[in-house]
Amino acid sequence: MTGFAAAIGASLRTYYAPGRAALLDAFHARFLKAGDLAFDIGTHVGDRTASFRRLGARVVAVEPQPRLARALRLMFRRDPGVTLVAALVGAAPGEAVLRLNTANPTVATASADFIAAADGAAGWEGQRWDAEIVRPVTTLDELAMRHGLPAFVKIDVEGFEAAVLRGLTRPPRALSFEFTTIQRGVARECLGLLDALGYRAFNACLGESMAFAHRGPVGAAAMADWIDALPHAANSGDVYAALAPERLIA
């Protein structure tokens, strides 16, 4: 088994662990219902896409890594409710360099700043981006024009989240973006972009807990301050934004 295949096997065991599907579905049900459309930006091994489908939503799954995209085609080949897009998502259409970590494909990134931030950071020891490929870039606006305005967008793109949000001009009902403690400034930039789009309600989950850290929604500035105050060891999580604040009550 190659290093890449072994890494994907480890991801499958982690993200499809027994009991996790029910946790994901119960959490995502606040954002999606049958017939809705969801975008899964940075699909990886497709656990979120699978959750969205179990809730009855159609999914546009965007994954730029060719070998992962091939695996996703096999996983969802019999499901007409999943559309796979093998591209990056960014601020403008074109092309960009995707840097690959063959031992840990979860952290492939189009952000050189993300790699620089990880260099020497505690908890990131041994991470090595050892290959790169040029990939096409689309935008959230382009995807919405082609497939429809989504009800929910999940963004997990390793430091490229602000670039993704700069390509969005029509706010979906709700969305999430990943943050890391090695790049808190990216989270603050994302919150500013979302505030400009009209979002006023935010909450967050640490790691893969799928549990809100706040009892109810907070504003963009308060969320940025909360992320700034997290210990480095918190590592990562997801910020959720919604036009309807009641969706963000714990």
C-alpha atoms as a PDB file:
ATOM      1  CA  MET A   1       0.000   0.000   0.000  1.00  0.00           C
ATOM      2  CA  THR A   2       1.395   3.428  -0.953  1.00  0.00           C
ATOM      3  CA  GLY A   3       1.739   6.205   1.593  1.00  0.00           C
ATOM      4  CA  PHE A   4      -1.139   8.079  -0.045  1.00  0.00           C
ATOM      5  CA  ALA A   5      -3.429   5.048  -0.011  1.00  0.00           C
ATOM      6  CA  ALA A   6      -2.584   4.371   3.634  1.00  0.00           C
ATOM      7  CA  ALA A   7      -3.359   7.999   4.505  1.00  0.00           C
ATOM      8  CA  ILE A   8      -6.728   7.810   2.750  1.00  0.00           C
ATOM      9  CA  GLY A   9      -7.470   4.588   4.607  1.00  0.00           C
ATOM     10  CA  ALA A  10      -6.745   6.354   7.883  1.00  0.00           C
ATOM     11  CA  SER A  11      -9.077   9.213   6.901  1.00  0.00           C
ATOM     12  CA  LEU A  12     -11.854   6.802   6.013  1.00  0.00           C
ATOM     13  CA  ARG A  13     -11.531   5.082   9.382  1.00  0.00           C
ATOM     14  CA  THR A  14     -11.616   8.445  11.161  1.00  0.00           C
ATOM     15  CA  TYR A  15     -14.402  10.180   9.282  1.00  0.00           C
ATOM     16  CA  TYR A  16     -16.604   7.112   8.897  1.00  0.00           C
ATOM     17  CA  ALA A  17     -16.119   5.846  12.452  1.00  0.00           C
ATOM     18  CA  PRO A  18     -19.117   4.069  14.005  1.00  0.00           C
ATOM     19  CA  GLY A  19     -21.631   6.548  15.387  1.00  0.00           C
ATOM     20  CA  ARG A  20     -20.238   9.557  13.549  1.00  0.00           C
ATOM     21  CA  ALA A  21     -22.891   9.541  10.806  1.00  0.00           C
ATOM     22  CA  ALA A  22     -25.681  10.042  13.339  1.00  0.00           C
ATOM     23  CA  LEU A  23     -23.725  12.895  14.968  1.00  0.00           C
ATOM     24  CA  LEU A  24     -23.201  14.640  11.627  1.00  0.00           C
ATOM     25  CA  ASP A  25     -26.801  14.203  10.511  1.00  0.00           C
ATOM     26  CA  ALA A  26     -28.275  15.541  13.759  1.00  0.00           C
ATOM     27  CA  PHE A  27     -26.056  18.605  13.547  1.00  0.00           C
ATOM     28  CA  HIS A  28     -26.546  19.326   9.831  1.00  0.00           C
ATOM     29  CA  ALA A  29     -30.326  18.957  10.082  1.00  0.00           C
ATOM     30  CA  ARG A  30     -30.486  22.521  11.442  1.00  0.00           C
ATOM     31  CA  PHE A  31     -29.159  23.757   8.082  1.00  0.00           C
ATOM     32  CA  LEU A  32     -30.549  21.342   5.483  1.00  0.00           C
ATOM     33  CA  LYS A  33     -33.757  19.550   4.610  1.00  0.00           C
ATOM     34  CA  ALA A  34     -34.865  17.288   1.792  1.00  0.00           C
ATOM     35  CA  GLY A  35     -34.713  19.039  -1.577  1.00  0.00           C
ATOM     36  CA  ASP A  36     -32.139  21.636  -0.516  1.00  0.00           C
ATOM     37  CA  LEU A  37     -28.821  22.151  -2.303  1.00  0.00           C
ATOM     38  CA  ALA A  38     -25.484  22.029  -0.457  1.00  0.00           C
ATOM     39  CA  PHE A  39     -21.932  22.793  -1.586  1.00  0.00           C
ATOM     40  CA  ASP A  40     -19.128  20.736  -0.007  1.00  0.00           C
ATOM     41  CA  ILE A  41     -15.962  22.723  -0.729  1.00  0.00           C
ATOM     42  CA  GLY A  42     -12.968  20.545   0.063  1.00  0.00           C
ATOM     43  CA  THR A  43     -14.808  17.236   0.068  1.00  0.00           C
ATOM     44  CA  HIS A  44     -11.824  15.022   0.996  1.00  0.00           C
ATOM     45  CA  VAL A  45     -13.326  11.541   1.668  1.00  0.00           C
ATOM     46  CA  GLY A  46     -16.928  12.707   1.396  1.00  0.00           C
ATOM     47  CA  ASP A  47     -18.258  12.230   4.925  1.00  0.00           C
ATOM     48  CA  ARG A  48     -20.051  15.600   4.884  1.00  0.00           C
ATOM     49  CA  THR A  49     -21.422  14.955   1.400  1.00  0.00           C
ATOM     50  CA  ALA A  50     -22.749  11.611   2.623  1.00  0.00           C
ATOM     51  CA  SER A  51     -24.410  13.347   5.578  1.00  0.00           C
ATOM     52  CA  PHE A  52     -26.029  15.970   3.359  1.00  0.00           C
ATOM     53  CA  ARG A  53     -27.385  13.213   1.115  1.00  0.00           C
ATOM     54  CA  ARG A  54     -28.827  11.268   4.043  1.00  0.00           C
ATOM     55  CA  LEU A  55     -30.778  14.434   4.874  1.00  0.00           C
ATOM     56  CA  GLY A  56     -32.147  14.493   1.329  1.00  0.00           C
ATOM     57  CA  ALA A  57     -30.126  17.446   0.014  1.00  0.00           C
ATOM     58  CA  ARG A  58     -28.501  17.503  -3.393  1.00  0.00           C
ATOM     59  CA  VAL A  59     -24.748  18.103  -3.210  1.00  0.00           C
ATOM     60  CA  VAL A  60     -22.103  19.748  -5.347  1.00  0.00           C
ATOM     61  CA  ALA A  61     -18.903  18.173  -4.019  1.00  0.00           C
ATOM     62  CA  VAL A  62     -15.721  20.070  -4.914  1.00  0.00           C
ATOM     63  CA  GLU A  63     -12.380  18.265  -4.513  1.00  0.00           C
ATOM     64  CA  PRO A  64      -9.227  19.316  -6.404  1.00  0.00           C
ATOM     65  CA  GLN A  65      -6.948  16.356  -5.580  1.00  0.00           C
ATOM     66  CA  PRO A  66      -7.160  13.999  -8.579  1.00  0.00           C
ATOM     67  CA  ARG A  67      -6.793  10.753  -6.638  1.00  0.00           C
ATOM     68  CA  LEU A  68      -9.374  11.811  -4.072  1.00  0.00           C
ATOM     69  CA  ALA A  69     -11.701  12.941  -6.866  1.00  0.00           C
ATOM     70  CA  ARG A  70     -11.413   9.485  -8.437  1.00  0.00           C
ATOM     71  CA  ALA A  71     -12.217   7.851  -5.093  1.00  0.00           C
ATOM     72  CA  LEU A  72     -15.258  10.093  -4.685  1.00  0.00           C
ATOM     73  CA  ARG A  73     -16.497   9.173  -8.150  1.00  0.00           C
ATOM     74  CA  LEU A  74     -16.394   5.522  -7.113  1.00  0.00           C
ATOM     75  CA  MET A  75     -18.063   6.203  -3.764  1.00  0.00           C
ATOM     76  CA  PHE A  76     -20.963   8.202  -5.211  1.00  0.00           C
ATOM     77  CA  ARG A  77     -21.136   6.748  -8.726  1.00  0.00           C
ATOM     78  CA  ARG A  78     -24.669   5.422  -8.227  1.00  0.00           C
ATOM     79  CA  ASP A  79     -25.984   8.606  -6.642  1.00  0.00           C
ATOM     80  CA  PRO A  80     -27.471  11.134  -9.106  1.00  0.00           C
ATOM     81  CA  GLY A  81     -27.856  13.604  -6.235  1.00  0.00           C
ATOM     82  CA  VAL A  82     -24.080  14.192  -6.068  1.00  0.00           C
ATOM     83  CA  THR A  83     -22.260  16.309  -8.644  1.00  0.00           C
ATOM     84  CA  LEU A  84     -18.469  16.144  -8.392  1.00  0.00           C
ATOM     85  CA  VAL A  85     -16.358  19.140  -9.438  1.00  0.00           C
ATOM     86  CA  ALA A  86     -12.621  18.429  -9.631  1.00  0.00           C
ATOM     87  CA  ALA A  87     -11.322  21.958  -9.075  1.00  0.00           C
ATOM     88  CA  LEU A  88     -10.201  24.521  -6.558  1.00  0.00           C
ATOM     89  CA  VAL A  89     -12.536  27.293  -5.423  1.00  0.00           C
ATOM     90  CA  GLY A  90     -11.104  30.784  -5.122  1.00  0.00           C
ATOM     91  CA  ALA A  91     -11.664  34.482  -5.591  1.00  0.00           C
ATOM     92  CA  ALA A  92     -11.670  34.427  -9.393  1.00  0.00           C
ATOM     93  CA  PRO A  93     -11.736  31.825 -12.176  1.00  0.00           C
ATOM     94  CA  GLY A  94      -8.412  30.659 -13.559  1.00  0.00           C
ATOM     95  CA  GLU A  95      -5.703  28.308 -12.354  1.00  0.00           C
ATOM     96  CA  ALA A  96      -3.703  27.927  -9.146  1.00  0.00           C
ATOM     97  CA  VAL A  97      -1.030  25.689  -7.691  1.00  0.00           C
ATOM     98  CA  LEU A  98      -2.242  23.027  -5.261  1.00  0.00           C
ATOM     99  CA  ARG A  99       0.471  21.840  -2.873  1.00  0.00           C
ATOM    100  CA  LEU A 100       0.105  18.198  -1.898  1.00  0.00           C
ATOM    101  CA  ASN A 101       1.052  16.444   1.317  1.00  0.00           C
ATOM    102  CA  THR A 102       1.154  12.835   0.147  1.00  0.00           C
ATOM    103  CA  ALA A 103       1.443  11.462   3.691  1.00  0.00           C
ATOM    104  CA  ASN A 104      -1.518  13.558   4.891  1.00  0.00           C
ATOM    105  CA  PRO A 105      -3.805  14.524   1.979  1.00  0.00           C
ATOM    106  CA  THR A 106      -6.242  16.141   4.416  1.00  0.00           C
ATOM    107  CA  VAL A 107      -4.003  19.236   4.442  1.00  0.00           C
ATOM    108  CA  ALA A 108      -3.428  19.804   0.716  1.00  0.00           C
ATOM    109  CA  THR A 109      -3.562  23.558   0.193  1.00  0.00           C
ATOM    110  CA  ALA A 110      -3.454  26.324  -2.376  1.00  0.00           C
ATOM    111  CA  SER A 111      -2.113  28.713   0.282  1.00  0.00           C
ATOM    112  CA  ALA A 112       1.650  29.199   0.571  1.00  0.00           C
ATOM    113  CA  ASP A 113       0.962  31.210   3.744  1.00  0.00           C
ATOM    114  CA  PHE A 114      -0.678  28.159   5.331  1.00  0.00           C
ATOM    115  CA  ILE A 115       2.446  26.078   4.713  1.00  0.00           C
ATOM    116  CA  ALA A 116       4.638  28.847   6.131  1.00  0.00           C
ATOM    117  CA  ALA A 117       2.445  29.082   9.233  1.00  0.00           C
ATOM    118  CA  ALA A 118       2.620  25.321   9.796  1.00  0.00           C
ATOM    119  CA  ASP A 119       6.420  25.279   9.527  1.00  0.00           C
ATOM    120  CA  GLY A 120       7.779  24.768  13.033  1.00  0.00           C
ATOM    121  CA  ALA A 121       4.389  25.110  14.725  1.00  0.00           C
ATOM    122  CA  ALA A 122       3.634  22.799  17.631  1.00  0.00           C
ATOM    123  CA  GLY A 123       1.380  19.964  16.523  1.00  0.00           C
ATOM    124  CA  TRP A 124       2.442  20.325  12.890  1.00  0.00           C
ATOM    125  CA  GLU A 125       5.829  18.644  13.188  1.00  0.00           C
ATOM    126  CA  GLY A 126       6.750  16.396  10.289  1.00  0.00           C
ATOM    127  CA  GLN A 127       4.193  17.786   7.836  1.00  0.00           C
ATOM    128  CA  ARG A 128       5.753  18.014   4.398  1.00  0.00           C
ATOM    129  CA  TRP A 129       4.187  19.347   1.223  1.00  0.00           C
ATOM    130  CA  ASP A 130       6.193  17.288  -1.242  1.00  0.00           C
ATOM    131  CA  ALA A 131       4.400  17.749  -4.569  1.00  0.00           C
ATOM    132  CA  GLU A 132       2.400  20.336  -6.434  1.00  0.00           C
ATOM    133  CA  ILE A 133       0.001  20.411  -9.350  1.00  0.00           C
ATOM    134  CA  VAL A 134      -1.809  23.143 -11.262  1.00  0.00           C
ATOM    135  CA  ARG A 135      -5.587  22.937 -10.925  1.00  0.00           C
ATOM    136  CA  PRO A 136      -8.486  24.913 -12.431  1.00  0.00           C
ATOM    137  CA  VAL A 137     -10.144  27.449 -10.145  1.00  0.00           C
ATOM    138  CA  THR A 138     -13.858  28.192 -10.028  1.00  0.00           C
ATOM    139  CA  THR A 139     -15.777  30.440  -7.618  1.00  0.00           C
ATOM    140  CA  LEU A 140     -18.794  30.058  -5.368  1.00  0.00           C
ATOM    141  CA  ASP A 141     -20.639  32.508  -7.608  1.00  0.00           C
ATOM    142  CA  GLU A 142     -19.839  30.405 -10.685  1.00  0.00           C
ATOM    143  CA  LEU A 143     -20.962  27.232  -8.942  1.00  0.00           C
ATOM    144  CA  ALA A 144     -24.201  28.944  -7.895  1.00  0.00           C
ATOM    145  CA  MET A 145     -24.835  30.158 -11.448  1.00  0.00           C
ATOM    146  CA  ARG A 146     -24.336  26.618 -12.757  1.00  0.00           C
ATOM    147  CA  HIS A 147     -26.076  24.583 -10.066  1.00  0.00           C
ATOM    148  CA  GLY A 148     -28.291  27.020  -8.137  1.00  0.00           C
ATOM    149  CA  LEU A 149     -27.926  29.024  -4.937  1.00  0.00           C
ATOM    150  CA  PRO A 150     -27.159  26.583  -2.116  1.00  0.00           C
ATOM    151  CA  ALA A 151     -28.908  26.514   1.227  1.00  0.00           C
ATOM    152  CA  PHE A 152     -25.635  25.604   2.952  1.00  0.00           C
ATOM    153  CA  VAL A 153     -21.950  25.756   2.044  1.00  0.00           C
ATOM    154  CA  LYS A 154     -19.193  23.932   3.936  1.00  0.00           C
ATOM    155  CA  ILE A 155     -15.669  25.286   3.304  1.00  0.00           C
ATOM    156  CA  ASP A 156     -12.578  23.355   4.426  1.00  0.00           C
ATOM    157  CA  VAL A 157      -9.599  24.343   2.294  1.00  0.00           C
ATOM    158  CA  GLU A 158      -6.567  24.699   4.598  1.00  0.00           C
ATOM    159  CA  GLY A 159      -5.901  28.416   4.777  1.00  0.00           C
ATOM    160  CA  PHE A 160      -7.591  29.319   1.474  1.00  0.00           C
ATOM    161  CA  GLU A 161     -10.973  30.078   3.086  1.00  0.00           C
ATOM    162  CA  ALA A 162     -10.829  33.863   2.625  1.00  0.00           C
ATOM    163  CA  ALA A 163     -10.038  33.444  -1.068  1.00  0.00           C
ATOM    164  CA  VAL A 164     -13.093  31.203  -1.409  1.00  0.00           C
ATOM    165  CA  LEU A 165     -15.330  33.762   0.299  1.00  0.00           C
ATOM    166  CA  ARG A 166     -14.027  36.581  -1.906  1.00  0.00           C
ATOM    167  CA  GLY A 167     -15.694  34.734  -4.788  1.00  0.00           C
ATOM    168  CA  LEU A 168     -19.131  34.934  -3.148  1.00  0.00           C
ATOM    169  CA  THR A 169     -21.564  37.818  -3.675  1.00  0.00           C
ATOM    170  CA  ARG A 170     -24.947  36.193  -2.892  1.00  0.00           C
ATOM    171  CA  PRO A 171     -25.114  34.846   0.660  1.00  0.00           C
ATOM    172  CA  PRO A 172     -26.569  31.366   1.133  1.00  0.00           C
ATOM    173  CA  ARG A 173     -28.866  30.695   4.064  1.00  0.00           C
ATOM    174  CA  ALA A 174     -25.929  29.367   6.089  1.00  0.00           C
ATOM    175  CA  LEU A 175     -22.311  28.357   5.677  1.00  0.00           C
ATOM    176  CA  SER A 176     -19.261  27.178   7.580  1.00  0.00           C
ATOM    177  CA  PHE A 177     -15.545  27.700   7.214  1.00  0.00           C
ATOM    178  CA  GLU A 178     -12.635  25.992   8.931  1.00  0.00           C
ATOM    179  CA  PHE A 179     -10.224  27.993  11.078  1.00  0.00           C
ATOM    180  CA  THR A 180      -6.857  27.055  12.584  1.00  0.00           C
ATOM    181  CA  THR A 181      -4.886  28.502  15.482  1.00  0.00           C
ATOM    182  CA  ILE A 182      -1.834  28.841  13.235  1.00  0.00           C
ATOM    183  CA  GLN A 183      -3.726  31.303  11.002  1.00  0.00           C
ATOM    184  CA  ARG A 184      -6.151  33.236  13.175  1.00  0.00           C
ATOM    185  CA  GLY A 185      -5.857  36.219  10.851  1.00  0.00           C
ATOM    186  CA  VAL A 186      -7.482  34.216   8.055  1.00  0.00           C
ATOM    187  CA  ALA A 187     -10.487  33.586  10.322  1.00  0.00           C
ATOM    188  CA  ARG A 188     -10.739  37.287  11.124  1.00  0.00           C
ATOM    189  CA  GLU A 189     -10.615  38.113   7.399  1.00  0.00           C
ATOM    190  CA  CYS A 190     -13.355  35.541   6.702  1.00  0.00           C
ATOM    191  CA  LEU A 191     -15.547  37.031   9.414  1.00  0.00           C
ATOM    192  CA  GLY A 192     -15.109  40.489   7.914  1.00  0.00           C
ATOM    193  CA  LEU A 193     -16.109  39.213   4.483  1.00  0.00           C
ATOM    194  CA  LEU A 194     -19.179  37.493   5.894  1.00  0.00           C
ATOM    195  CA  ASP A 195     -20.168  40.590   7.856  1.00  0.00           C
ATOM    196  CA  ALA A 196     -19.998  42.564   4.592  1.00  0.00           C
ATOM    197  CA  LEU A 197     -22.346  39.991   2.998  1.00  0.00           C
ATOM    198  CA  GLY A 198     -24.921  40.610   5.722  1.00  0.00           C
ATOM    199  CA  TYR A 199     -24.272  37.821   8.223  1.00  0.00           C
ATOM    200  CA  ARG A 200     -24.699  38.938  11.822  1.00  0.00           C
ATOM    201  CA  ALA A 201     -24.973  35.587  13.649  1.00  0.00           C
ATOM    202  CA  PHE A 202     -22.076  33.198  14.235  1.00  0.00           C
ATOM    203  CA  ASN A 203     -21.230  30.154  16.308  1.00  0.00           C
ATOM    204  CA  ALA A 204     -18.371  27.644  16.212  1.00  0.00           C
ATOM    205  CA  CYS A 205     -17.410  24.043  16.868  1.00  0.00           C
ATOM    206  CA  LEU A 206     -13.955  22.966  17.992  1.00  0.00           C
ATOM    207  CA  GLY A 207     -12.347  20.087  16.136  1.00  0.00           C
ATOM    208  CA  GLU A 208     -14.833  17.472  14.959  1.00  0.00           C
ATOM    209  CA  SER A 209     -17.072  17.850  18.033  1.00  0.00           C
ATOM    210  CA  MET A 210     -20.163  18.979  16.091  1.00  0.00           C
ATOM    211  CA  ALA A 211     -21.181  20.844  19.260  1.00  0.00           C
ATOM    212  CA  PHE A 212     -21.502  24.614  19.404  1.00  0.00           C
ATOM    213  CA  ALA A 213     -19.079  26.361  21.732  1.00  0.00           C
ATOM    214  CA  HIS A 214     -21.550  29.172  22.521  1.00  0.00           C
ATOM    215  CA  ARG A 215     -25.096  28.801  23.846  1.00  0.00           C
ATOM    216  CA  GLY A 216     -26.349  31.149  21.167  1.00  0.00           C
ATOM    217  CA  PRO A 217     -25.066  33.167  18.224  1.00  0.00           C
ATOM    218  CA  VAL A 218     -22.497  35.938  18.645  1.00  0.00           C
ATOM    219  CA  GLY A 219     -21.393  38.765  16.366  1.00  0.00           C
ATOM    220  CA  ALA A 220     -18.414  38.741  14.022  1.00  0.00           C
ATOM    221  CA  ALA A 221     -16.168  40.786  16.324  1.00  0.00           C
ATOM    222  CA  ALA A 222     -16.951  38.578  19.324  1.00  0.00           C
ATOM    223  CA  MET A 223     -16.247  35.453  17.290  1.00  0.00           C
ATOM    224  CA  ALA A 224     -12.906  36.855  16.118  1.00  0.00           C
ATOM    225  CA  ASP A 225     -11.959  37.693  19.704  1.00  0.00           C
ATOM    226  CA  TRP A 226     -12.938  34.184  20.858  1.00  0.00           C
ATOM    227  CA  ILE A 227     -10.721  32.598  18.192  1.00  0.00           C
ATOM    228  CA  ASP A 228      -7.847  34.927  19.124  1.00  0.00           C
ATOM    229  CA  ALA A 229      -8.153  33.821  22.768  1.00  0.00           C
ATOM    230  CA  LEU A 230      -8.085  30.079  22.066  1.00  0.00           C
ATOM    231  CA  PRO A 231      -4.970  28.203  23.175  1.00  0.00           C
ATOM    232  CA  HIS A 232      -2.707  27.052  20.364  1.00  0.00           C
ATOM    233  CA  ALA A 233      -3.523  23.438  21.247  1.00  0.00           C
ATOM    234  CA  ALA A 234      -7.158  23.966  20.234  1.00  0.00           C
ATOM    235  CA  ASN A 235      -5.737  23.603  16.727  1.00  0.00           C
ATOM    236  CA  SER A 236      -8.821  23.956  14.538  1.00  0.00           C
ATOM    237  CA  GLY A 237     -12.576  24.144  14.267  1.00  0.00           C
ATOM    238  CA  ASP A 238     -15.380  25.481  12.125  1.00  0.00           C
ATOM    239  CA  VAL A 239     -17.203  28.795  12.267  1.00  0.00           C
ATOM    240  CA  TYR A 240     -20.880  28.724  11.271  1.00  0.00           C
ATOM    241  CA  ALA A 241     -22.730  31.753   9.921  1.00  0.00           C
ATOM    242  CA  ALA A 242     -26.470  31.950   9.332  1.00  0.00           C
ATOM    243  CA  LEU A 243     -28.904  34.592   8.157  1.00  0.00           C
ATOM    244  CA  ALA A 244     -31.423  33.174  10.653  1.00  0.00           C
ATOM    245  CA  PRO A 245     -29.845  33.320  14.142  1.00  0.00           C
ATOM    246  CA  GLU A 246     -32.055  30.542  15.527  1.00  0.00           C
ATOM    247  CA  ARG A 247     -30.115  28.011  13.475  1.00  0.00           C
ATOM    248  CA  LEU A 248     -27.081  28.676  15.685  1.00  0.00           C
ATOM    249  CA  ILE A 249     -28.576  27.988  19.105  1.00  0.00           C
ATOM    250  CA  ALA A 250     -26.793  25.156  20.913  1.00  0.00           C
END
